[in-house]
Amino acid sequence: MTSGDTNSEDNIPVGDGPIKVNIGVNTGDFDNNEELGDITIKNVDAAEGDFYYFDGTNYILLPVNGGEVVLTKALLETSTADNETGW
């Protein structure tokens, strides 16, 4: 814990668990056969932490290449159910 310019709540240990982020993408115009490809996260500073993908069982470390992390299409769970409503 540091002292001086921070309060004690700034340095509360939160454990080793990752922060979960859900990403949703609406491709829009389903009737023109749009589909989602890879998702690229840019301006990644590896010194700020790691990115992991949860495959339902394990956390898989995603490599940082050239300041980017890529979630490949193979890693993504996709659904067209919302887009088909009303067609």
Protein backbone atom coordinates (compact mmCIF):
# COMPACT_ATOMS: atom_id res chain seq x y z
CA MET A 1 0.00 0.00 0.00
CA THR A 2 1.30 3.46 -0.82
CA SER A 3 0.96 6.53 1.32
CA GLY A 4 1.01 10.23 0.70
CA ASP A 5 -0.81 11.22 -2.48
CA THR A 6 -3.45 8.44 -2.49
CA ASN A 7 -6.04 7.20 -0.08
CA SER A 8 -6.14 3.64 1.23
CA GLU A 9 -9.08 2.69 -1.03
CA ASP A 10 -6.95 3.30 -4.15
CA ASN A 11 -4.79 0.32 -3.29
CA ILE A 12 -7.22 -2.33 -2.14
CA PRO A 13 -6.10 -5.71 -3.46
CA VAL A 14 -8.74 -7.12 -5.79
CA GLY A 15 -7.26 -10.54 -6.34
CA ASP A 16 -6.00 -12.19 -9.47
CA GLY A 17 -9.20 -12.38 -11.51
CA PRO A 18 -9.49 -10.70 -14.90
CA ILE A 19 -11.94 -7.94 -15.71
CA LYS A 20 -14.72 -9.31 -17.92
CA VAL A 21 -15.65 -7.34 -21.04
CA ASN A 22 -18.56 -8.35 -23.27
CA ILE A 23 -18.30 -7.12 -26.85
CA GLY A 24 -21.43 -6.86 -28.98
CA VAL A 25 -21.43 -5.96 -32.66
CA ASN A 26 -24.48 -5.25 -34.80
CA THR A 27 -23.59 -5.77 -38.45
CA GLY A 28 -26.76 -3.99 -39.47
CA ASP A 29 -28.12 -5.10 -42.83
CA PHE A 30 -28.53 -8.87 -42.54
CA ASP A 31 -30.11 -9.31 -45.99
CA ASN A 32 -26.86 -8.29 -47.73
CA ASN A 33 -24.93 -11.19 -46.15
CA GLU A 34 -22.75 -9.07 -43.89
CA GLU A 35 -20.78 -11.05 -41.38
CA LEU A 36 -18.37 -10.37 -38.58
CA GLY A 37 -14.69 -11.07 -39.14
CA ASP A 38 -11.81 -10.55 -36.72
CA ILE A 39 -11.99 -7.88 -34.01
CA THR A 40 -8.77 -5.87 -33.56
CA ILE A 41 -8.01 -3.92 -30.39
CA LYS A 42 -5.49 -1.20 -31.23
CA ASN A 43 -3.02 0.93 -29.25
CA VAL A 44 -2.41 -1.85 -26.73
CA ASP A 45 0.42 -1.24 -24.29
CA ALA A 46 1.59 -4.64 -23.06
CA ALA A 47 2.98 -2.96 -19.94
CA GLU A 48 -0.59 -2.14 -18.87
CA GLY A 49 -1.68 -5.76 -18.61
CA ASP A 50 -2.69 -8.78 -20.64
CA PHE A 51 -5.71 -9.70 -22.75
CA TYR A 52 -7.27 -13.11 -22.30
CA TYR A 53 -10.01 -14.99 -24.11
CA PHE A 54 -12.26 -17.26 -22.03
CA ASP A 55 -13.16 -20.39 -23.99
CA GLY A 56 -15.72 -21.57 -21.45
CA THR A 57 -13.14 -23.45 -19.39
CA ASN A 58 -9.76 -21.72 -19.61
CA TYR A 59 -8.36 -18.23 -19.99
CA ILE A 60 -6.15 -18.10 -23.10
CA LEU A 61 -3.54 -15.34 -23.31
CA LEU A 62 -3.86 -13.32 -26.53
CA PRO A 63 -0.54 -12.07 -27.93
CA VAL A 64 0.16 -8.37 -28.51
CA ASN A 65 1.65 -7.86 -31.97
CA GLY A 66 2.57 -4.38 -33.13
CA GLY A 67 0.42 -2.82 -30.41
CA GLU A 68 -2.65 -4.83 -31.44
CA VAL A 69 -4.59 -7.75 -30.02
CA VAL A 70 -6.76 -9.71 -32.46
CA LEU A 71 -9.81 -11.78 -31.58
CA THR A 72 -10.08 -14.02 -34.62
CA LYS A 73 -13.43 -14.96 -36.09
CA ALA A 74 -12.84 -18.53 -34.88
CA LEU A 75 -12.85 -17.27 -31.26
CA LEU A 76 -16.12 -15.33 -31.61
CA GLU A 77 -19.57 -16.58 -30.77
CA THR A 78 -21.99 -15.28 -33.39
CA SER A 79 -25.74 -15.28 -33.76
CA THR A 80 -28.07 -14.00 -36.46
CA ALA A 81 -31.22 -14.43 -34.38
CA ASP A 82 -31.61 -10.71 -33.58
CA ASN A 83 -31.08 -9.71 -37.21
CA GLU A 84 -33.64 -12.15 -38.58
CA THR A 85 -36.50 -10.69 -36.56
CA GLY A 86 -39.01 -9.08 -38.90
CA TRP A 87 -37.54 -10.39 -42.17
